[in-house]
Amino acid sequence: MELEEAAQGFAALGSEARLQVLLALVRAGGKGLTVGDIQSRTGMAASTLAHHLRFLSSAGLVLQEKDGRSVISRAAYDHLESLAGYLLKECCAEENGAAADAETETPND
């Protein structure tokens, strides 16, 4: 994952409403939710929800597929995992790098 893609994903999570939608989808698991189901869980108006779902989808955090007359939305777990991994791989990198450097140094004679 590149910096630009990570920034887009984190920007999508910068809205309380979008985070609420994503949490509803994560809690629902792999079966996903219809727009009506998300509305009932979040209390959002249909037009507001549609806006947030488009934003989350364009950031790669939500997958949507047509199922008859309904659209099922699901959390994009692979992308969420990549986004979290992008941030976590940097955890203590400088600290760990200093420790690794210290381990490879040879004492002066």
PDB file of N, CA and C in Angstrom:
ATOM      1  N   MET A   1       0.851  -1.172   0.000  1.00  0.00           N
ATOM      2  CA  MET A   1       0.000   0.000   0.000  1.00  0.00           C
ATOM      3  C   MET A   1       0.898   1.236   0.000  1.00  0.00           C
ATOM      4  N   GLU A   2       0.528   2.179  -0.833  1.00  0.00           N
ATOM      5  CA  GLU A   2       1.282   3.428  -0.948  1.00  0.00           C
ATOM      6  C   GLU A   2       0.679   4.490  -0.024  1.00  0.00           C
ATOM      7  N   LEU A   3       1.454   5.521   0.244  1.00  0.00           N
ATOM      8  CA  LEU A   3       1.039   6.600   1.133  1.00  0.00           C
ATOM      9  C   LEU A   3      -0.279   7.234   0.684  1.00  0.00           C
ATOM     10  N   GLU A   4      -0.423   7.501  -0.613  1.00  0.00           N
ATOM     11  CA  GLU A   4      -1.637   8.147  -1.129  1.00  0.00           C
ATOM     12  C   GLU A   4      -2.881   7.294  -0.874  1.00  0.00           C
ATOM     13  N   GLU A   5      -2.762   5.988  -1.107  1.00  0.00           N
ATOM     14  CA  GLU A   5      -3.886   5.079  -0.884  1.00  0.00           C
ATOM     15  C   GLU A   5      -4.230   5.006   0.604  1.00  0.00           C
ATOM     16  N   ALA A   6      -3.202   4.964   1.453  1.00  0.00           N
ATOM     17  CA  ALA A   6      -3.433   4.939   2.897  1.00  0.00           C
ATOM     18  C   ALA A   6      -4.106   6.230   3.350  1.00  0.00           C
ATOM     19  N   ALA A   7      -3.647   7.360   2.829  1.00  0.00           N
ATOM     20  CA  ALA A   7      -4.238   8.649   3.203  1.00  0.00           C
ATOM     21  C   ALA A   7      -5.711   8.701   2.813  1.00  0.00           C
ATOM     22  N   GLN A   8      -6.048   8.169   1.648  1.00  0.00           N
ATOM     23  CA  GLN A   8      -7.444   8.143   1.205  1.00  0.00           C
ATOM     24  C   GLN A   8      -8.289   7.282   2.148  1.00  0.00           C
ATOM     25  N   GLY A   9      -7.756   6.137   2.541  1.00  0.00           N
ATOM     26  CA  GLY A   9      -8.483   5.265   3.458  1.00  0.00           C
ATOM     27  C   GLY A   9      -8.693   5.896   4.817  1.00  0.00           C
ATOM     28  N   PHE A  10      -7.635   6.496   5.358  1.00  0.00           N
ATOM     29  CA  PHE A  10      -7.768   7.143   6.663  1.00  0.00           C
ATOM     30  C   PHE A  10      -8.671   8.369   6.587  1.00  0.00           C
ATOM     31  N   ALA A  11      -8.637   9.095   5.472  1.00  0.00           N
ATOM     32  CA  ALA A  11      -9.528  10.248   5.298  1.00  0.00           C
ATOM     33  C   ALA A  11     -10.988   9.800   5.318  1.00  0.00           C
ATOM     34  N   ALA A  12     -11.260   8.655   4.707  1.00  0.00           N
ATOM     35  CA  ALA A  12     -12.627   8.128   4.695  1.00  0.00           C
ATOM     36  C   ALA A  12     -13.095   7.804   6.107  1.00  0.00           C
ATOM     37  N   LEU A  13     -12.175   7.427   6.970  1.00  0.00           N
ATOM     38  CA  LEU A  13     -12.526   7.096   8.347  1.00  0.00           C
ATOM     39  C   LEU A  13     -12.569   8.329   9.245  1.00  0.00           C
ATOM     40  N   GLY A  14     -12.257   9.495   8.679  1.00  0.00           N
ATOM     41  CA  GLY A  14     -12.222  10.726   9.450  1.00  0.00           C
ATOM     42  C   GLY A  14     -13.584  11.326   9.738  1.00  0.00           C
ATOM     43  N   SER A  15     -14.622  10.679   9.298  1.00  0.00           N
ATOM     44  CA  SER A  15     -15.986  11.146   9.543  1.00  0.00           C
ATOM     45  C   SER A  15     -16.658  10.193  10.526  1.00  0.00           C
ATOM     46  N   GLU A  16     -17.260  10.759  11.554  1.00  0.00           N
ATOM     47  CA  GLU A  16     -17.960   9.935  12.539  1.00  0.00           C
ATOM     48  C   GLU A  16     -19.065   9.110  11.874  1.00  0.00           C
ATOM     49  N   ALA A  17     -19.771   9.717  10.936  1.00  0.00           N
ATOM     50  CA  ALA A  17     -20.865   9.014  10.257  1.00  0.00           C
ATOM     51  C   ALA A  17     -20.335   7.843   9.430  1.00  0.00           C
ATOM     52  N   ARG A  18     -19.247   8.061   8.688  1.00  0.00           N
ATOM     53  CA  ARG A  18     -18.690   6.969   7.879  1.00  0.00           C
ATOM     54  C   ARG A  18     -18.131   5.866   8.765  1.00  0.00           C
ATOM     55  N   LEU A  19     -17.523   6.247   9.868  1.00  0.00           N
ATOM     56  CA  LEU A  19     -17.016   5.237  10.794  1.00  0.00           C
ATOM     57  C   LEU A  19     -18.169   4.423  11.370  1.00  0.00           C
ATOM     58  N   GLN A  20     -19.278   5.078  11.649  1.00  0.00           N
ATOM     59  CA  GLN A  20     -20.466   4.387  12.154  1.00  0.00           C
ATOM     60  C   GLN A  20     -20.980   3.374  11.123  1.00  0.00           C
ATOM     61  N   VAL A  21     -21.012   3.766   9.858  1.00  0.00           N
ATOM     62  CA  VAL A  21     -21.447   2.861   8.789  1.00  0.00           C
ATOM     63  C   VAL A  21     -20.492   1.677   8.690  1.00  0.00           C
ATOM     64  N   LEU A  22     -19.198   1.961   8.682  1.00  0.00           N
ATOM     65  CA  LEU A  22     -18.213   0.886   8.556  1.00  0.00           C
ATOM     66  C   LEU A  22     -18.279  -0.070   9.744  1.00  0.00           C
ATOM     67  N   LEU A  23     -18.452   0.459  10.937  1.00  0.00           N
ATOM     68  CA  LEU A  23     -18.575  -0.409  12.114  1.00  0.00           C
ATOM     69  C   LEU A  23     -19.799  -1.313  12.012  1.00  0.00           C
ATOM     70  N   ALA A  24     -20.899  -0.793  11.495  1.00  0.00           N
ATOM     71  CA  ALA A  24     -22.096  -1.621  11.309  1.00  0.00           C
ATOM     72  C   ALA A  24     -21.796  -2.766  10.348  1.00  0.00           C
ATOM     73  N   LEU A  25     -21.053  -2.468   9.287  1.00  0.00           N
ATOM     74  CA  LEU A  25     -20.715  -3.505   8.305  1.00  0.00           C
ATOM     75  C   LEU A  25     -19.720  -4.512   8.873  1.00  0.00           C
ATOM     76  N   VAL A  26     -18.758  -4.046   9.636  1.00  0.00           N
ATOM     77  CA  VAL A  26     -17.788  -4.957  10.259  1.00  0.00           C
ATOM     78  C   VAL A  26     -18.505  -5.885  11.230  1.00  0.00           C
ATOM     79  N   ARG A  27     -19.416  -5.326  12.019  1.00  0.00           N
ATOM     80  CA  ARG A  27     -20.168  -6.138  12.986  1.00  0.00           C
ATOM     81  C   ARG A  27     -21.048  -7.171  12.289  1.00  0.00           C
ATOM     82  N   ALA A  28     -21.545  -6.833  11.103  1.00  0.00           N
ATOM     83  CA  ALA A  28     -22.429  -7.747  10.366  1.00  0.00           C
ATOM     84  C   ALA A  28     -21.673  -8.940   9.804  1.00  0.00           C
ATOM     85  N   GLY A  29     -20.382  -8.797   9.602  1.00  0.00           N
ATOM     86  CA  GLY A  29     -19.592  -9.903   9.067  1.00  0.00           C
ATOM     87  C   GLY A  29     -19.713 -10.028   7.560  1.00  0.00           C
ATOM     88  N   GLY A  30     -19.343 -11.186   7.060  1.00  0.00           N
ATOM     89  CA  GLY A  30     -19.259 -11.441   5.630  1.00  0.00           C
ATOM     90  C   GLY A  30     -20.569 -11.400   4.876  1.00  0.00           C
ATOM     91  N   LYS A  31     -21.684 -11.571   5.566  1.00  0.00           N
ATOM     92  CA  LYS A  31     -22.983 -11.542   4.868  1.00  0.00           C
ATOM     93  C   LYS A  31     -23.348 -10.145   4.403  1.00  0.00           C
ATOM     94  N   GLY A  32     -22.782  -9.118   5.065  1.00  0.00           N
ATOM     95  CA  GLY A  32     -23.066  -7.748   4.672  1.00  0.00           C
ATOM     96  C   GLY A  32     -24.451  -7.294   5.089  1.00  0.00           C
ATOM     97  N   LEU A  33     -24.805  -6.102   4.650  1.00  0.00           N
ATOM     98  CA  LEU A  33     -26.094  -5.501   4.996  1.00  0.00           C
ATOM     99  C   LEU A  33     -26.680  -4.782   3.792  1.00  0.00           C
ATOM    100  N   THR A  34     -27.992  -4.745   3.730  1.00  0.00           N
ATOM    101  CA  THR A  34     -28.659  -3.915   2.728  1.00  0.00           C
ATOM    102  C   THR A  34     -28.643  -2.472   3.225  1.00  0.00           C
ATOM    103  N   VAL A  35     -28.958  -1.551   2.339  1.00  0.00           N
ATOM    104  CA  VAL A  35     -29.020  -0.141   2.721  1.00  0.00           C
ATOM    105  C   VAL A  35     -30.056   0.047   3.832  1.00  0.00           C
ATOM    106  N   GLY A  36     -31.183  -0.634   3.712  1.00  0.00           N
ATOM    107  CA  GLY A  36     -32.219  -0.545   4.748  1.00  0.00           C
ATOM    108  C   GLY A  36     -31.723  -1.026   6.101  1.00  0.00           C
ATOM    109  N   ASP A  37     -30.951  -2.113   6.096  1.00  0.00           N
ATOM    110  CA  ASP A  37     -30.381  -2.626   7.348  1.00  0.00           C
ATOM    111  C   ASP A  37     -29.417  -1.614   7.964  1.00  0.00           C
ATOM    112  N   ILE A  38     -28.589  -1.002   7.113  1.00  0.00           N
ATOM    113  CA  ILE A  38     -27.631  -0.009   7.616  1.00  0.00           C
ATOM    114  C   ILE A  38     -28.384   1.198   8.168  1.00  0.00           C
ATOM    115  N   GLN A  39     -29.433   1.612   7.461  1.00  0.00           N
ATOM    116  CA  GLN A  39     -30.252   2.740   7.930  1.00  0.00           C
ATOM    117  C   GLN A  39     -30.830   2.465   9.309  1.00  0.00           C
ATOM    118  N   SER A  40     -31.362   1.267   9.498  1.00  0.00           N
ATOM    119  CA  SER A  40     -31.981   0.956  10.788  1.00  0.00           C
ATOM    120  C   SER A  40     -30.943   0.892  11.907  1.00  0.00           C
ATOM    121  N   ARG A  41     -29.712   0.519  11.577  1.00  0.00           N
ATOM    122  CA  ARG A  41     -28.661   0.438  12.598  1.00  0.00           C
ATOM    123  C   ARG A  41     -28.022   1.787  12.898  1.00  0.00           C
ATOM    124  N   THR A  42     -28.028   2.684  11.922  1.00  0.00           N
ATOM    125  CA  THR A  42     -27.350   3.970  12.100  1.00  0.00           C
ATOM    126  C   THR A  42     -28.303   5.144  12.274  1.00  0.00           C
ATOM    127  N   GLY A  43     -29.550   4.989  11.821  1.00  0.00           N
ATOM    128  CA  GLY A  43     -30.509   6.079  11.892  1.00  0.00           C
ATOM    129  C   GLY A  43     -30.277   7.175  10.856  1.00  0.00           C
ATOM    130  N   MET A  44     -29.459   6.896   9.841  1.00  0.00           N
ATOM    131  CA  MET A  44     -29.162   7.901   8.812  1.00  0.00           C
ATOM    132  C   MET A  44     -30.248   7.941   7.751  1.00  0.00           C
ATOM    133  N   ALA A  45     -30.451   9.121   7.204  1.00  0.00           N
ATOM    134  CA  ALA A  45     -31.359   9.279   6.068  1.00  0.00           C
ATOM    135  C   ALA A  45     -30.746   8.588   4.855  1.00  0.00           C
ATOM    136  N   ALA A  46     -31.585   8.126   3.943  1.00  0.00           N
ATOM    137  CA  ALA A  46     -31.124   7.379   2.771  1.00  0.00           C
ATOM    138  C   ALA A  46     -30.112   8.167   1.942  1.00  0.00           C
ATOM    139  N   SER A  47     -30.367   9.448   1.713  1.00  0.00           N
ATOM    140  CA  SER A  47     -29.452  10.239   0.880  1.00  0.00           C
ATOM    141  C   SER A  47     -28.102  10.430   1.567  1.00  0.00           C
ATOM    142  N   THR A  48     -28.119  10.635   2.871  1.00  0.00           N
ATOM    143  CA  THR A  48     -26.873  10.782   3.634  1.00  0.00           C
ATOM    144  C   THR A  48     -26.091   9.480   3.613  1.00  0.00           C
ATOM    145  N   LEU A  49     -26.791   8.381   3.824  1.00  0.00           N
ATOM    146  CA  LEU A  49     -26.150   7.072   3.821  1.00  0.00           C
ATOM    147  C   LEU A  49     -25.550   6.767   2.458  1.00  0.00           C
ATOM    148  N   ALA A  50     -26.274   7.067   1.396  1.00  0.00           N
ATOM    149  CA  ALA A  50     -25.766   6.823   0.040  1.00  0.00           C
ATOM    150  C   ALA A  50     -24.469   7.593  -0.190  1.00  0.00           C
ATOM    151  N   HIS A  51     -24.418   8.833   0.261  1.00  0.00           N
ATOM    152  CA  HIS A  51     -23.203   9.647   0.130  1.00  0.00           C
ATOM    153  C   HIS A  51     -22.029   8.975   0.852  1.00  0.00           C
ATOM    154  N   HIS A  52     -22.246   8.551   2.084  1.00  0.00           N
ATOM    155  CA  HIS A  52     -21.166   7.951   2.868  1.00  0.00           C
ATOM    156  C   HIS A  52     -20.741   6.594   2.304  1.00  0.00           C
ATOM    157  N   LEU A  53     -21.692   5.819   1.820  1.00  0.00           N
ATOM    158  CA  LEU A  53     -21.341   4.534   1.204  1.00  0.00           C
ATOM    159  C   LEU A  53     -20.506   4.743  -0.059  1.00  0.00           C
ATOM    160  N   ARG A  54     -20.847   5.740  -0.862  1.00  0.00           N
ATOM    161  CA  ARG A  54     -20.039   6.047  -2.058  1.00  0.00           C
ATOM    162  C   ARG A  54     -18.615   6.427  -1.666  1.00  0.00           C
ATOM    163  N   PHE A  55     -18.491   7.240  -0.637  1.00  0.00           N
ATOM    164  CA  PHE A  55     -17.177   7.684  -0.171  1.00  0.00           C
ATOM    165  C   PHE A  55     -16.357   6.488   0.317  1.00  0.00           C
ATOM    166  N   LEU A  56     -16.965   5.636   1.133  1.00  0.00           N
ATOM    167  CA  LEU A  56     -16.270   4.454   1.656  1.00  0.00           C
ATOM    168  C   LEU A  56     -15.911   3.478   0.542  1.00  0.00           C
ATOM    169  N   SER A  57     -16.808   3.338  -0.417  1.00  0.00           N
ATOM    170  CA  SER A  57     -16.561   2.454  -1.551  1.00  0.00           C
ATOM    171  C   SER A  57     -15.413   2.973  -2.411  1.00  0.00           C
ATOM    172  N   SER A  58     -15.389   4.276  -2.665  1.00  0.00           N
ATOM    173  CA  SER A  58     -14.313   4.836  -3.496  1.00  0.00           C
ATOM    174  C   SER A  58     -12.966   4.755  -2.796  1.00  0.00           C
ATOM    175  N   ALA A  59     -12.971   4.704  -1.467  1.00  0.00           N
ATOM    176  CA  ALA A  59     -11.732   4.539  -0.706  1.00  0.00           C
ATOM    177  C   ALA A  59     -11.336   3.072  -0.588  1.00  0.00           C
ATOM    178  N   GLY A  60     -12.175   2.163  -1.117  1.00  0.00           N
ATOM    179  CA  GLY A  60     -11.866   0.737  -1.086  1.00  0.00           C
ATOM    180  C   GLY A  60     -12.203   0.047   0.218  1.00  0.00           C
ATOM    181  N   LEU A  61     -12.928   0.726   1.101  1.00  0.00           N
ATOM    182  CA  LEU A  61     -13.230   0.159   2.411  1.00  0.00           C
ATOM    183  C   LEU A  61     -14.536  -0.623   2.445  1.00  0.00           C
ATOM    184  N   VAL A  62     -15.384  -0.415   1.438  1.00  0.00           N
ATOM    185  CA  VAL A  62     -16.675  -1.101   1.362  1.00  0.00           C
ATOM    186  C   VAL A  62     -16.843  -1.675  -0.038  1.00  0.00           C
ATOM    187  N   LEU A  63     -17.320  -2.900  -0.086  1.00  0.00           N
ATOM    188  CA  LEU A  63     -17.644  -3.562  -1.353  1.00  0.00           C
ATOM    189  C   LEU A  63     -19.159  -3.612  -1.471  1.00  0.00           C
ATOM    190  N   GLN A  64     -19.668  -3.388  -2.679  1.00  0.00           N
ATOM    191  CA  GLN A  64     -21.108  -3.445  -2.889  1.00  0.00           C
ATOM    192  C   GLN A  64     -21.413  -4.338  -4.077  1.00  0.00           C
ATOM    193  N   GLU A  65     -22.472  -5.129  -3.927  1.00  0.00           N
ATOM    194  CA  GLU A  65     -22.909  -5.963  -5.048  1.00  0.00           C
ATOM    195  C   GLU A  65     -24.421  -6.020  -5.081  1.00  0.00           C
ATOM    196  N   LYS A  66     -24.921  -6.094  -6.288  1.00  0.00           N
ATOM    197  CA  LYS A  66     -26.365  -6.155  -6.506  1.00  0.00           C
ATOM    198  C   LYS A  66     -26.829  -7.586  -6.246  1.00  0.00           C
ATOM    199  N   ASP A  67     -27.923  -7.700  -5.514  1.00  0.00           N
ATOM    200  CA  ASP A  67     -28.529  -8.995  -5.227  1.00  0.00           C
ATOM    201  C   ASP A  67     -30.024  -8.846  -5.485  1.00  0.00           C
ATOM    202  N   GLY A  68     -30.411  -9.138  -6.733  1.00  0.00           N
ATOM    203  CA  GLY A  68     -31.802  -8.907  -7.121  1.00  0.00           C
ATOM    204  C   GLY A  68     -32.081  -7.419  -7.132  1.00  0.00           C
ATOM    205  N   ARG A  69     -33.040  -6.993  -6.328  1.00  0.00           N
ATOM    206  CA  ARG A  69     -33.387  -5.570  -6.262  1.00  0.00           C
ATOM    207  C   ARG A  69     -32.642  -4.844  -5.149  1.00  0.00           C
ATOM    208  N   SER A  70     -31.846  -5.569  -4.404  1.00  0.00           N
ATOM    209  CA  SER A  70     -31.117  -4.976  -3.282  1.00  0.00           C
ATOM    210  C   SER A  70     -29.644  -4.820  -3.611  1.00  0.00           C
ATOM    211  N   VAL A  71     -29.000  -3.926  -2.899  1.00  0.00           N
ATOM    212  CA  VAL A  71     -27.548  -3.784  -2.961  1.00  0.00           C
ATOM    213  C   VAL A  71     -27.021  -4.179  -1.591  1.00  0.00           C
ATOM    214  N   ILE A  72     -26.116  -5.143  -1.597  1.00  0.00           N
ATOM    215  CA  ILE A  72     -25.506  -5.608  -0.357  1.00  0.00           C
ATOM    216  C   ILE A  72     -24.154  -4.923  -0.209  1.00  0.00           C
ATOM    217  N   SER A  73     -23.940  -4.328   0.942  1.00  0.00           N
ATOM    218  CA  SER A  73     -22.660  -3.685   1.247  1.00  0.00           C
ATOM    219  C   SER A  73     -21.928  -4.536   2.270  1.00  0.00           C
ATOM    220  N   ARG A  74     -20.624  -4.681   2.055  1.00  0.00           N
ATOM    221  CA  ARG A  74     -19.779  -5.459   2.965  1.00  0.00           C
ATOM    222  C   ARG A  74     -18.508  -4.676   3.258  1.00  0.00           C
ATOM    223  N   ALA A  75     -17.975  -4.877   4.433  1.00  0.00           N
ATOM    224  CA  ALA A  75     -16.663  -4.310   4.746  1.00  0.00           C
ATOM    225  C   ALA A  75     -15.627  -5.020   3.888  1.00  0.00           C
ATOM    226  N   ALA A  76     -14.697  -4.274   3.349  1.00  0.00           N
ATOM    227  CA  ALA A  76     -13.604  -4.839   2.542  1.00  0.00           C
ATOM    228  C   ALA A  76     -12.474  -5.201   3.503  1.00  0.00           C
ATOM    229  N   TYR A  77     -12.593  -6.375   4.106  1.00  0.00           N
ATOM    230  CA  TYR A  77     -11.668  -6.781   5.165  1.00  0.00           C
ATOM    231  C   TYR A  77     -10.212  -6.794   4.713  1.00  0.00           C
ATOM    232  N   ASP A  78      -9.940  -7.240   3.498  1.00  0.00           N
ATOM    233  CA  ASP A  78      -8.556  -7.264   3.011  1.00  0.00           C
ATOM    234  C   ASP A  78      -7.968  -5.859   2.981  1.00  0.00           C
ATOM    235  N   HIS A  79      -8.770  -4.904   2.511  1.00  0.00           N
ATOM    236  CA  HIS A  79      -8.279  -3.526   2.429  1.00  0.00           C
ATOM    237  C   HIS A  79      -8.129  -2.920   3.827  1.00  0.00           C
ATOM    238  N   LEU A  80      -9.059  -3.211   4.710  1.00  0.00           N
ATOM    239  CA  LEU A  80      -8.962  -2.722   6.086  1.00  0.00           C
ATOM    240  C   LEU A  80      -7.716  -3.275   6.765  1.00  0.00           C
ATOM    241  N   GLU A  81      -7.442  -4.548   6.518  1.00  0.00           N
ATOM    242  CA  GLU A  81      -6.249  -5.176   7.086  1.00  0.00           C
ATOM    243  C   GLU A  81      -4.980  -4.529   6.531  1.00  0.00           C
ATOM    244  N   SER A  82      -4.972  -4.252   5.239  1.00  0.00           N
ATOM    245  CA  SER A  82      -3.816  -3.584   4.625  1.00  0.00           C
ATOM    246  C   SER A  82      -3.623  -2.188   5.197  1.00  0.00           C
ATOM    247  N   LEU A  83      -4.720  -1.483   5.408  1.00  0.00           N
ATOM    248  CA  LEU A  83      -4.656  -0.131   5.949  1.00  0.00           C
ATOM    249  C   LEU A  83      -4.091  -0.146   7.371  1.00  0.00           C
ATOM    250  N   ALA A  84      -4.593  -1.046   8.189  1.00  0.00           N
ATOM    251  CA  ALA A  84      -4.072  -1.169   9.555  1.00  0.00           C
ATOM    252  C   ALA A  84      -2.608  -1.607   9.528  1.00  0.00           C
ATOM    253  N   GLY A  85      -2.289  -2.548   8.651  1.00  0.00           N
ATOM    254  CA  GLY A  85      -0.913  -3.030   8.531  1.00  0.00           C
ATOM    255  C   GLY A  85       0.045  -1.949   8.094  1.00  0.00           C
ATOM    256  N   TYR A  86      -0.416  -1.069   7.209  1.00  0.00           N
ATOM    257  CA  TYR A  86       0.419   0.033   6.732  1.00  0.00           C
ATOM    258  C   TYR A  86       0.870   0.897   7.906  1.00  0.00           C
ATOM    259  N   LEU A  87      -0.058   1.180   8.791  1.00  0.00           N
ATOM    260  CA  LEU A  87       0.257   2.002   9.949  1.00  0.00           C
ATOM    261  C   LEU A  87       1.082   1.223  10.977  1.00  0.00           C
ATOM    262  N   LEU A  88       0.678  -0.004  11.253  1.00  0.00           N
ATOM    263  CA  LEU A  88       1.329  -0.783  12.303  1.00  0.00           C
ATOM    264  C   LEU A  88       2.741  -1.231  11.944  1.00  0.00           C
ATOM    265  N   LYS A  89       3.037  -1.367  10.660  1.00  0.00           N
ATOM    266  CA  LYS A  89       4.397  -1.786  10.290  1.00  0.00           C
ATOM    267  C   LYS A  89       5.421  -0.720  10.665  1.00  0.00           C
ATOM    268  N   GLU A  90       4.947   0.512  10.832  1.00  0.00           N
ATOM    269  CA  GLU A  90       5.836   1.603  11.223  1.00  0.00           C
ATOM    270  C   GLU A  90       5.964   1.735  12.740  1.00  0.00           C
ATOM    271  N   CYS A  91       5.202   0.946  13.469  1.00  0.00           N
ATOM    272  CA  CYS A  91       5.209   1.042  14.924  1.00  0.00           C
ATOM    273  C   CYS A  91       6.618   0.828  15.472  1.00  0.00           C
ATOM    274  N   CYS A  92       7.122   1.820  16.131  1.00  0.00           N
ATOM    275  CA  CYS A  92       8.426   1.768  16.798  1.00  0.00           C
ATOM    276  C   CYS A  92       9.570   1.464  15.844  1.00  0.00           C
ATOM    277  N   ALA A  93       9.407   1.791  14.559  1.00  0.00           N
ATOM    278  CA  ALA A  93      10.430   1.470  13.558  1.00  0.00           C
ATOM    279  C   ALA A  93      11.770   2.084  13.915  1.00  0.00           C
ATOM    280  N   GLU A  94      11.763   3.307  14.370  1.00  0.00           N
ATOM    281  CA  GLU A  94      13.025   3.945  14.741  1.00  0.00           C
ATOM    282  C   GLU A  94      13.618   3.291  15.971  1.00  0.00           C
ATOM    283  N   GLU A  95      12.770   2.969  16.916  1.00  0.00           N
ATOM    284  CA  GLU A  95      13.226   2.303  18.129  1.00  0.00           C
ATOM    285  C   GLU A  95      13.785   0.922  17.799  1.00  0.00           C
ATOM    286  N   ASN A  96      13.049   0.171  16.983  1.00  0.00           N
ATOM    287  CA  ASN A  96      13.500  -1.164  16.594  1.00  0.00           C
ATOM    288  C   ASN A  96      14.735  -1.091  15.714  1.00  0.00           C
ATOM    289  N   GLY A  97      14.803  -0.082  14.862  1.00  0.00           N
ATOM    290  CA  GLY A  97      15.980   0.095  14.013  1.00  0.00           C
ATOM    291  C   GLY A  97      17.216   0.359  14.843  1.00  0.00           C
ATOM    292  N   ALA A  98      17.080   1.154  15.896  1.00  0.00           N
ATOM    293  CA  ALA A  98      18.206   1.440  16.779  1.00  0.00           C
ATOM    294  C   ALA A  98      18.641   0.176  17.502  1.00  0.00           C
ATOM    295  N   ALA A  99      17.667  -0.645  17.909  1.00  0.00           N
ATOM    296  CA  ALA A  99      18.006  -1.899  18.584  1.00  0.00           C
ATOM    297  C   ALA A  99      18.708  -2.843  17.624  1.00  0.00           C
ATOM    298  N   ALA A 100      18.225  -2.900  16.373  1.00  0.00           N
ATOM    299  CA  ALA A 100      18.855  -3.776  15.379  1.00  0.00           C
ATOM    300  C   ALA A 100      20.268  -3.301  15.078  1.00  0.00           C
ATOM    301  N   ASP A 101      20.459  -1.982  14.986  1.00  0.00           N
ATOM    302  CA  ASP A 101      21.798  -1.444  14.747  1.00  0.00           C
ATOM    303  C   ASP A 101      22.730  -1.793  15.893  1.00  0.00           C
ATOM    304  N   ALA A 102      22.227  -1.714  17.119  1.00  0.00           N
ATOM    305  CA  ALA A 102      23.052  -2.021  18.288  1.00  0.00           C
ATOM    306  C   ALA A 102      23.461  -3.483  18.298  1.00  0.00           C
ATOM    307  N   GLU A 103      22.573  -4.354  17.837  1.00  0.00           N
ATOM    308  CA  GLU A 103      22.883  -5.785  17.808  1.00  0.00           C
ATOM    309  C   GLU A 103      23.953  -6.109  16.782  1.00  0.00           C
ATOM    310  N   THR A 104      24.007  -5.355  15.690  1.00  0.00           N
ATOM    311  CA  THR A 104      24.968  -5.666  14.629  1.00  0.00           C
ATOM    312  C   THR A 104      26.298  -4.953  14.807  1.00  0.00           C
ATOM    313  N   GLU A 105      26.360  -3.996  15.741  1.00  0.00           N
ATOM    314  CA  GLU A 105      27.624  -3.303  15.973  1.00  0.00           C
ATOM    315  C   GLU A 105      28.610  -4.236  16.652  1.00  0.00           C
ATOM    316  N   THR A 106      29.864  -4.079  16.304  1.00  0.00           N
ATOM    317  CA  THR A 106      30.909  -4.868  16.958  1.00  0.00           C
ATOM    318  C   THR A 106      31.629  -3.965  17.946  1.00  0.00           C
ATOM    319  N   PRO A 107      31.998  -4.509  19.092  1.00  0.00           N
ATOM    320  CA  PRO A 107      32.688  -3.686  20.089  1.00  0.00           C
ATOM    321  C   PRO A 107      34.049  -3.240  19.572  1.00  0.00           C
ATOM    322  N   ASN A 108      34.441  -2.050  19.970  1.00  0.00           N
ATOM    323  CA  ASN A 108      35.758  -1.538  19.580  1.00  0.00           C
ATOM    324  C   ASN A 108      36.830  -2.205  20.426  1.00  0.00           C
ATOM    325  N   ASP A 109      37.901  -2.598  19.780  1.00  0.00           N
ATOM    326  CA  ASP A 109      39.007  -3.230  20.512  1.00  0.00           C
ATOM    327  C   ASP A 109      40.030  -2.220  20.905  1.00  0.00           C
TER     328      ASP A 109
END
